[in-house]
Amino acid sequence: MTGVKDINASFGHNTYWGNVRLETGYASTRLGRRSYLHGSIRFAKIDQLEFRTAPTAQPTTFFDAHDVSFKSGIAWDLTDRITAGVAAGWFIEKIEAWRGSAFNVDLGAQMQATPQLRLGASATNLGGDLNLTVTGRTGARPISLPTTYRAGAAYQYDRYLGAVDLVVLDDELHVQVGAEAKLHDVITVRAGYMSNYDTRNVTAGLSLRHRNLTIDYAVVPFTDNLGTAHMFNFTFEL
């Protein structure tokens, strides 16, 4: 795992659409010369969802939806150029009075093909359906996990980095491309493009680094009057 020191920790905050909030946390550490331990937690919440029992102008009431995902795993340097890892955990969701959980697994690998070129692939959220149930009621509502497959490449040239990813989500293929330029030892800027999404396509961001602290900011404008997503991330190396 390139870049992992004794301990790495990262915390993210993301808001969009006015009522969606996403919080993330990640930590990793070395177990030995060629092995690493890592763990993550993700919390998402949507406020002020409208509840109706009939097609009315005003909702009957409002409710919230939220989910929590936590995982832990291990990665190994199989060779000097190839790293592979696995993580497992639980996905827990609550929508109004409905609740459910599901076990899921992530798999990934990356290879330093040349000093400038890195290749990678992953499959995340592998598992069965999440079944939502309500106390006192029979039956369940199955929801498929957001299983995602990715394959990509990144090329480093001096202070510039270019990357392309192929992403398969919900049986749809998305192509994501991005570029990054290190303007100074402290400042890095980046921009990207995502294809085949309904309401988003371009992104932009920057990083500020000082000693062992990195602050990342990214902005994603949405179409159809859905506003703009603002993403913040703080990473520490100890």
C-alpha atoms as a PDB file:
ATOM      1  CA  MET A   1       0.000   0.000   0.000  1.00  0.00           C
ATOM      2  CA  THR A   2       1.960   2.930  -1.317  1.00  0.00           C
ATOM      3  CA  GLY A   3       2.066   5.914   1.009  1.00  0.00           C
ATOM      4  CA  VAL A   4       1.139   4.147   4.247  1.00  0.00           C
ATOM      5  CA  LYS A   5       3.324   5.294   7.133  1.00  0.00           C
ATOM      6  CA  ASP A   6       3.131   3.926  10.670  1.00  0.00           C
ATOM      7  CA  ILE A   7      -0.441   5.259  11.013  1.00  0.00           C
ATOM      8  CA  ASN A   8      -2.637   7.008   8.432  1.00  0.00           C
ATOM      9  CA  ALA A   9      -6.049   8.466   9.297  1.00  0.00           C
ATOM     10  CA  SER A  10      -8.515  10.254   7.037  1.00  0.00           C
ATOM     11  CA  PHE A  11     -11.857  11.950   7.770  1.00  0.00           C
ATOM     12  CA  GLY A  12     -14.311  13.231   5.165  1.00  0.00           C
ATOM     13  CA  HIS A  13     -17.427  15.425   5.087  1.00  0.00           C
ATOM     14  CA  ASN A  14     -19.778  15.788   2.113  1.00  0.00           C
ATOM     15  CA  THR A  15     -23.069  17.673   1.681  1.00  0.00           C
ATOM     16  CA  TYR A  16     -25.293  17.932  -1.386  1.00  0.00           C
ATOM     17  CA  TRP A  17     -28.884  18.422  -2.559  1.00  0.00           C
ATOM     18  CA  GLY A  18     -29.534  20.489   0.570  1.00  0.00           C
ATOM     19  CA  ASN A  19     -30.604  17.531   2.724  1.00  0.00           C
ATOM     20  CA  VAL A  20     -27.929  14.848   2.194  1.00  0.00           C
ATOM     21  CA  ARG A  21     -24.949  14.481   4.510  1.00  0.00           C
ATOM     22  CA  LEU A  22     -22.116  11.952   4.266  1.00  0.00           C
ATOM     23  CA  GLU A  23     -19.371  11.409   6.863  1.00  0.00           C
ATOM     24  CA  THR A  24     -16.446   9.018   6.398  1.00  0.00           C
ATOM     25  CA  GLY A  25     -13.488   7.830   8.438  1.00  0.00           C
ATOM     26  CA  TYR A  26     -10.542   5.642   7.476  1.00  0.00           C
ATOM     27  CA  ALA A  27      -7.381   4.461   9.214  1.00  0.00           C
ATOM     28  CA  SER A  28      -4.501   2.171   8.268  1.00  0.00           C
ATOM     29  CA  THR A  29      -1.272   0.990   9.839  1.00  0.00           C
ATOM     30  CA  ARG A  30       1.570  -1.371   9.097  1.00  0.00           C
ATOM     31  CA  LEU A  31       1.423  -4.851  10.606  1.00  0.00           C
ATOM     32  CA  GLY A  32       4.772  -5.928   9.269  1.00  0.00           C
ATOM     33  CA  ARG A  33       7.199  -5.269   6.478  1.00  0.00           C
ATOM     34  CA  ARG A  34       4.699  -6.390   3.819  1.00  0.00           C
ATOM     35  CA  SER A  35       1.278  -6.333   5.508  1.00  0.00           C
ATOM     36  CA  TYR A  36      -1.166  -3.604   6.533  1.00  0.00           C
ATOM     37  CA  LEU A  37      -4.326  -3.367   8.632  1.00  0.00           C
ATOM     38  CA  HIS A  38      -7.086  -0.949   7.708  1.00  0.00           C
ATOM     39  CA  GLY A  39     -10.607  -0.032   8.793  1.00  0.00           C
ATOM     40  CA  SER A  40     -13.325   2.380   7.729  1.00  0.00           C
ATOM     41  CA  ILE A  41     -16.726   3.740   8.720  1.00  0.00           C
ATOM     42  CA  ARG A  42     -19.279   5.583   6.600  1.00  0.00           C
ATOM     43  CA  PHE A  43     -22.437   7.357   7.754  1.00  0.00           C
ATOM     44  CA  ALA A  44     -25.051   8.862   5.415  1.00  0.00           C
ATOM     45  CA  LYS A  45     -28.267  10.694   6.280  1.00  0.00           C
ATOM     46  CA  ILE A  46     -31.114  12.211   4.261  1.00  0.00           C
ATOM     47  CA  ASP A  47     -33.393  14.635   6.124  1.00  0.00           C
ATOM     48  CA  GLN A  48     -36.931  15.845   5.481  1.00  0.00           C
ATOM     49  CA  LEU A  49     -38.195  13.087   3.198  1.00  0.00           C
ATOM     50  CA  GLU A  50     -41.909  13.486   2.501  1.00  0.00           C
ATOM     51  CA  PHE A  51     -44.336  10.728   3.568  1.00  0.00           C
ATOM     52  CA  ARG A  52     -47.709  10.349   1.842  1.00  0.00           C
ATOM     53  CA  THR A  53     -50.463   7.747   1.860  1.00  0.00           C
ATOM     54  CA  ALA A  54     -52.265   9.421  -1.071  1.00  0.00           C
ATOM     55  CA  PRO A  55     -51.365  11.876  -3.887  1.00  0.00           C
ATOM     56  CA  THR A  56     -51.747  15.120  -1.917  1.00  0.00           C
ATOM     57  CA  ALA A  57     -50.144  18.549  -2.240  1.00  0.00           C
ATOM     58  CA  GLN A  58     -48.872  18.439   1.347  1.00  0.00           C
ATOM     59  CA  PRO A  59     -47.122  15.413   2.858  1.00  0.00           C
ATOM     60  CA  THR A  60     -48.652  13.568   5.794  1.00  0.00           C
ATOM     61  CA  THR A  61     -45.385  13.860   7.700  1.00  0.00           C
ATOM     62  CA  PHE A  62     -41.616  13.871   7.210  1.00  0.00           C
ATOM     63  CA  PHE A  63     -39.059  11.169   7.959  1.00  0.00           C
ATOM     64  CA  ASP A  64     -35.303  10.536   7.754  1.00  0.00           C
ATOM     65  CA  ALA A  65     -33.245   7.798   6.130  1.00  0.00           C
ATOM     66  CA  HIS A  66     -29.745   6.868   7.169  1.00  0.00           C
ATOM     67  CA  ASP A  67     -27.222   4.085   6.734  1.00  0.00           C
ATOM     68  CA  VAL A  68     -23.960   3.059   8.367  1.00  0.00           C
ATOM     69  CA  SER A  69     -21.206   0.919   6.883  1.00  0.00           C
ATOM     70  CA  PHE A  70     -18.150  -0.282   8.773  1.00  0.00           C
ATOM     71  CA  LYS A  71     -15.379  -2.528   7.507  1.00  0.00           C
ATOM     72  CA  SER A  72     -11.968  -3.846   8.444  1.00  0.00           C
ATOM     73  CA  GLY A  73      -9.419  -5.674   6.368  1.00  0.00           C
ATOM     74  CA  ILE A  74      -5.844  -6.505   5.544  1.00  0.00           C
ATOM     75  CA  ALA A  75      -3.555  -5.910   2.563  1.00  0.00           C
ATOM     76  CA  TRP A  76      -0.298  -7.514   1.498  1.00  0.00           C
ATOM     77  CA  ASP A  77       2.615  -6.562  -0.719  1.00  0.00           C
ATOM     78  CA  LEU A  78       2.695  -9.752  -2.787  1.00  0.00           C
ATOM     79  CA  THR A  79       5.786  -8.539  -4.620  1.00  0.00           C
ATOM     80  CA  ASP A  80       7.700  -5.291  -4.822  1.00  0.00           C
ATOM     81  CA  ARG A  81       5.184  -4.143  -7.456  1.00  0.00           C
ATOM     82  CA  ILE A  82       1.868  -5.861  -6.613  1.00  0.00           C
ATOM     83  CA  THR A  83      -0.403  -5.260  -3.601  1.00  0.00           C
ATOM     84  CA  ALA A  84      -3.719  -7.021  -2.886  1.00  0.00           C
ATOM     85  CA  GLY A  85      -6.260  -6.605  -0.118  1.00  0.00           C
ATOM     86  CA  VAL A  86      -9.592  -7.739   1.280  1.00  0.00           C
ATOM     87  CA  ALA A  87     -12.048  -6.108   3.676  1.00  0.00           C
ATOM     88  CA  ALA A  88     -15.313  -7.281   5.227  1.00  0.00           C
ATOM     89  CA  GLY A  89     -18.019  -5.602   7.250  1.00  0.00           C
ATOM     90  CA  TRP A  90     -21.684  -4.735   7.667  1.00  0.00           C
ATOM     91  CA  PHE A  91     -24.047  -2.346   5.957  1.00  0.00           C
ATOM     92  CA  ILE A  92     -26.923  -1.168   8.190  1.00  0.00           C
ATOM     93  CA  GLU A  93     -29.853   0.894   6.904  1.00  0.00           C
ATOM     94  CA  LYS A  94     -32.946   2.545   8.408  1.00  0.00           C
ATOM     95  CA  ILE A  95     -35.683   4.153   6.302  1.00  0.00           C
ATOM     96  CA  GLU A  96     -38.556   5.488   8.406  1.00  0.00           C
ATOM     97  CA  ALA A  97     -39.612   2.413  10.458  1.00  0.00           C
ATOM     98  CA  TRP A  98     -37.879  -0.098   8.155  1.00  0.00           C
ATOM     99  CA  ARG A  99     -34.530  -1.541   9.267  1.00  0.00           C
ATOM    100  CA  GLY A 100     -32.072  -4.033   7.843  1.00  0.00           C
ATOM    101  CA  SER A 101     -28.427  -5.074   7.567  1.00  0.00           C
ATOM    102  CA  ALA A 102     -26.202  -7.123   5.278  1.00  0.00           C
ATOM    103  CA  PHE A 103     -22.690  -8.569   5.345  1.00  0.00           C
ATOM    104  CA  ASN A 104     -20.449  -7.523   2.447  1.00  0.00           C
ATOM    105  CA  VAL A 105     -16.875  -7.862   1.194  1.00  0.00           C
ATOM    106  CA  ASP A 106     -14.423  -5.678  -0.759  1.00  0.00           C
ATOM    107  CA  LEU A 107     -11.566  -7.007  -2.918  1.00  0.00           C
ATOM    108  CA  GLY A 108      -8.809  -5.020  -4.596  1.00  0.00           C
ATOM    109  CA  ALA A 109      -5.354  -5.113  -6.136  1.00  0.00           C
ATOM    110  CA  GLN A 110      -2.898  -2.683  -7.667  1.00  0.00           C
ATOM    111  CA  MET A 111       0.329  -3.002  -9.631  1.00  0.00           C
ATOM    112  CA  GLN A 112       3.168  -0.555 -10.215  1.00  0.00           C
ATOM    113  CA  ALA A 113       3.643  -1.520 -13.861  1.00  0.00           C
ATOM    114  CA  THR A 114       6.433   1.016 -14.438  1.00  0.00           C
ATOM    115  CA  PRO A 115       7.874   3.796 -12.269  1.00  0.00           C
ATOM    116  CA  GLN A 116       5.294   6.138 -13.838  1.00  0.00           C
ATOM    117  CA  LEU A 117       2.306   3.826 -14.473  1.00  0.00           C
ATOM    118  CA  ARG A 118       0.066   2.271 -11.826  1.00  0.00           C
ATOM    119  CA  LEU A 119      -2.818  -0.129 -12.552  1.00  0.00           C
ATOM    120  CA  GLY A 120      -5.623  -1.143 -10.209  1.00  0.00           C
ATOM    121  CA  ALA A 121      -8.909  -3.025  -9.950  1.00  0.00           C
ATOM    122  CA  SER A 122     -11.509  -3.547  -7.230  1.00  0.00           C
ATOM    123  CA  ALA A 123     -14.911  -5.015  -6.463  1.00  0.00           C
ATOM    124  CA  THR A 124     -16.773  -3.460  -3.529  1.00  0.00           C
ATOM    125  CA  ASN A 125     -19.956  -4.258  -1.601  1.00  0.00           C
ATOM    126  CA  LEU A 126     -20.075  -7.897  -2.662  1.00  0.00           C
ATOM    127  CA  GLY A 127     -22.854  -9.705  -0.822  1.00  0.00           C
ATOM    128  CA  GLY A 128     -26.507 -10.646  -0.703  1.00  0.00           C
ATOM    129  CA  ASP A 129     -29.550  -8.387  -0.579  1.00  0.00           C
ATOM    130  CA  LEU A 130     -30.264  -6.142   2.371  1.00  0.00           C
ATOM    131  CA  ASN A 131     -33.737  -7.071   3.685  1.00  0.00           C
ATOM    132  CA  LEU A 132     -35.677  -4.226   5.317  1.00  0.00           C
ATOM    133  CA  THR A 133     -38.240  -5.257   7.919  1.00  0.00           C
ATOM    134  CA  VAL A 134     -40.612  -3.537  10.353  1.00  0.00           C
ATOM    135  CA  THR A 135     -41.173  -4.785  13.892  1.00  0.00           C
ATOM    136  CA  GLY A 136     -44.593  -6.406  14.157  1.00  0.00           C
ATOM    137  CA  ARG A 137     -45.017  -6.930  10.413  1.00  0.00           C
ATOM    138  CA  THR A 138     -44.376  -9.991   8.289  1.00  0.00           C
ATOM    139  CA  GLY A 139     -42.444  -9.858   5.056  1.00  0.00           C
ATOM    140  CA  ALA A 140     -39.409  -7.879   3.979  1.00  0.00           C
ATOM    141  CA  ARG A 141     -38.297  -5.447   1.292  1.00  0.00           C
ATOM    142  CA  PRO A 142     -35.088  -6.684  -0.382  1.00  0.00           C
ATOM    143  CA  ILE A 143     -32.636  -4.011  -1.549  1.00  0.00           C
ATOM    144  CA  SER A 144     -29.591  -4.855  -3.633  1.00  0.00           C
ATOM    145  CA  LEU A 145     -26.252  -3.674  -2.261  1.00  0.00           C
ATOM    146  CA  PRO A 146     -24.488  -1.031  -4.386  1.00  0.00           C
ATOM    147  CA  THR A 147     -21.945  -3.517  -5.770  1.00  0.00           C
ATOM    148  CA  THR A 148     -19.340  -1.622  -7.788  1.00  0.00           C
ATOM    149  CA  TYR A 149     -16.566  -2.863 -10.086  1.00  0.00           C
ATOM    150  CA  ARG A 150     -13.622  -0.617 -10.987  1.00  0.00           C
ATOM    151  CA  ALA A 151     -10.519  -0.862 -13.153  1.00  0.00           C
ATOM    152  CA  GLY A 152      -8.168   2.007 -13.765  1.00  0.00           C
ATOM    153  CA  ALA A 153      -4.757   3.382 -14.550  1.00  0.00           C
ATOM    154  CA  ALA A 154      -2.772   6.411 -13.399  1.00  0.00           C
ATOM    155  CA  TYR A 155       0.306   7.897 -15.042  1.00  0.00           C
ATOM    156  CA  GLN A 156       2.729  10.239 -13.265  1.00  0.00           C
ATOM    157  CA  TYR A 157       4.909  12.648 -15.242  1.00  0.00           C
ATOM    158  CA  ASP A 158       7.010  15.033 -13.193  1.00  0.00           C
ATOM    159  CA  ARG A 159       4.468  17.122 -11.203  1.00  0.00           C
ATOM    160  CA  TYR A 160       1.479  15.993 -13.285  1.00  0.00           C
ATOM    161  CA  LEU A 161      -0.811  12.994 -12.873  1.00  0.00           C
ATOM    162  CA  GLY A 162      -3.440  11.660 -15.275  1.00  0.00           C
ATOM    163  CA  ALA A 163      -5.929   8.897 -14.469  1.00  0.00           C
ATOM    164  CA  VAL A 164      -8.764   6.986 -16.111  1.00  0.00           C
ATOM    165  CA  ASP A 165     -11.232   4.611 -14.436  1.00  0.00           C
ATOM    166  CA  LEU A 166     -13.898   2.276 -15.786  1.00  0.00           C
ATOM    167  CA  VAL A 167     -16.721   1.913 -13.254  1.00  0.00           C
ATOM    168  CA  VAL A 168     -19.629  -0.544 -13.446  1.00  0.00           C
ATOM    169  CA  LEU A 169     -22.524   0.282 -11.094  1.00  0.00           C
ATOM    170  CA  ASP A 170     -26.135  -0.903 -11.419  1.00  0.00           C
ATOM    171  CA  ASP A 171     -25.237  -2.637 -14.712  1.00  0.00           C
ATOM    172  CA  GLU A 172     -24.140   0.680 -16.240  1.00  0.00           C
ATOM    173  CA  LEU A 173     -20.629   1.550 -17.418  1.00  0.00           C
ATOM    174  CA  HIS A 174     -19.148   4.911 -16.431  1.00  0.00           C
ATOM    175  CA  VAL A 175     -15.850   6.344 -17.656  1.00  0.00           C
ATOM    176  CA  GLN A 176     -14.072   8.714 -15.294  1.00  0.00           C
ATOM    177  CA  VAL A 177     -10.995  10.729 -16.286  1.00  0.00           C
ATOM    178  CA  GLY A 178      -8.989  13.177 -14.232  1.00  0.00           C
ATOM    179  CA  ALA A 179      -5.822  15.233 -14.142  1.00  0.00           C
ATOM    180  CA  GLU A 180      -3.764  16.662 -11.294  1.00  0.00           C
ATOM    181  CA  ALA A 181      -0.996  19.264 -11.196  1.00  0.00           C
ATOM    182  CA  LYS A 182       1.294  19.934  -8.246  1.00  0.00           C
ATOM    183  CA  LEU A 183       1.790  23.688  -8.384  1.00  0.00           C
ATOM    184  CA  HIS A 184       3.852  23.869  -5.211  1.00  0.00           C
ATOM    185  CA  ASP A 185       4.976  21.591  -2.415  1.00  0.00           C
ATOM    186  CA  VAL A 186       1.872  22.816  -0.556  1.00  0.00           C
ATOM    187  CA  ILE A 187      -0.760  23.185  -3.324  1.00  0.00           C
ATOM    188  CA  THR A 188      -2.155  20.629  -5.781  1.00  0.00           C
ATOM    189  CA  VAL A 189      -5.084  21.276  -8.140  1.00  0.00           C
ATOM    190  CA  ARG A 190      -7.181  18.739 -10.040  1.00  0.00           C
ATOM    191  CA  ALA A 191     -10.141  18.409 -12.397  1.00  0.00           C
ATOM    192  CA  GLY A 192     -12.170  15.506 -13.734  1.00  0.00           C
ATOM    193  CA  TYR A 193     -15.013  14.328 -15.920  1.00  0.00           C
ATOM    194  CA  MET A 194     -17.543  11.513 -15.333  1.00  0.00           C
ATOM    195  CA  SER A 195     -19.643  10.009 -18.127  1.00  0.00           C
ATOM    196  CA  ASN A 196     -23.105   8.430 -18.173  1.00  0.00           C
ATOM    197  CA  TYR A 197     -24.436   9.948 -14.940  1.00  0.00           C
ATOM    198  CA  ASP A 198     -27.858  11.601 -14.966  1.00  0.00           C
ATOM    199  CA  THR A 199     -27.077  14.806 -13.069  1.00  0.00           C
ATOM    200  CA  ARG A 200     -23.293  15.231 -12.821  1.00  0.00           C
ATOM    201  CA  ASN A 201     -20.254  15.179 -15.076  1.00  0.00           C
ATOM    202  CA  VAL A 202     -17.465  17.616 -14.096  1.00  0.00           C
ATOM    203  CA  THR A 203     -15.485  17.955 -10.872  1.00  0.00           C
ATOM    204  CA  ALA A 204     -12.735  20.223  -9.585  1.00  0.00           C
ATOM    205  CA  GLY A 205     -10.684  20.405  -6.420  1.00  0.00           C
ATOM    206  CA  LEU A 206      -7.465  21.229  -4.658  1.00  0.00           C
ATOM    207  CA  SER A 207      -5.230  19.931  -1.870  1.00  0.00           C
ATOM    208  CA  LEU A 208      -3.247  21.819   0.738  1.00  0.00           C
ATOM    209  CA  ARG A 209      -0.426  19.912   2.436  1.00  0.00           C
ATOM    210  CA  HIS A 210       1.685  20.936   5.401  1.00  0.00           C
ATOM    211  CA  ARG A 211       4.003  18.400   7.003  1.00  0.00           C
ATOM    212  CA  ASN A 212       1.833  15.412   7.993  1.00  0.00           C
ATOM    213  CA  LEU A 213      -1.550  17.063   7.321  1.00  0.00           C
ATOM    214  CA  THR A 214      -3.388  17.181   3.979  1.00  0.00           C
ATOM    215  CA  ILE A 215      -6.659  19.050   3.436  1.00  0.00           C
ATOM    216  CA  ASP A 216      -8.634  18.171   0.296  1.00  0.00           C
ATOM    217  CA  TYR A 217     -11.587  20.064  -1.146  1.00  0.00           C
ATOM    218  CA  ALA A 218     -13.691  19.079  -4.162  1.00  0.00           C
ATOM    219  CA  VAL A 219     -16.765  20.560  -5.805  1.00  0.00           C
ATOM    220  CA  VAL A 220     -19.278  18.671  -7.970  1.00  0.00           C
ATOM    221  CA  PRO A 221     -22.009  20.752  -9.654  1.00  0.00           C
ATOM    222  CA  PHE A 222     -25.295  18.947 -10.344  1.00  0.00           C
ATOM    223  CA  THR A 223     -27.685  19.649 -13.198  1.00  0.00           C
ATOM    224  CA  ASP A 224     -31.519  19.883 -12.992  1.00  0.00           C
ATOM    225  CA  ASN A 225     -31.309  22.550 -10.257  1.00  0.00           C
ATOM    226  CA  LEU A 226     -29.977  20.018  -7.735  1.00  0.00           C
ATOM    227  CA  GLY A 227     -27.277  22.332  -6.417  1.00  0.00           C
ATOM    228  CA  THR A 228     -23.606  21.632  -5.808  1.00  0.00           C
ATOM    229  CA  ALA A 229     -21.806  19.050  -3.684  1.00  0.00           C
ATOM    230  CA  HIS A 230     -18.953  20.233  -1.465  1.00  0.00           C
ATOM    231  CA  MET A 231     -16.510  17.602  -0.205  1.00  0.00           C
ATOM    232  CA  PHE A 232     -13.869  18.062   2.480  1.00  0.00           C
ATOM    233  CA  ASN A 233     -11.267  15.543   3.599  1.00  0.00           C
ATOM    234  CA  PHE A 234      -8.535  15.688   6.266  1.00  0.00           C
ATOM    235  CA  THR A 235      -5.667  13.176   6.238  1.00  0.00           C
ATOM    236  CA  PHE A 236      -3.042  12.697   8.957  1.00  0.00           C
ATOM    237  CA  GLU A 237       0.188  10.692   8.808  1.00  0.00           C
ATOM    238  CA  LEU A 238       1.791   9.742  12.121  1.00  0.00           C
END
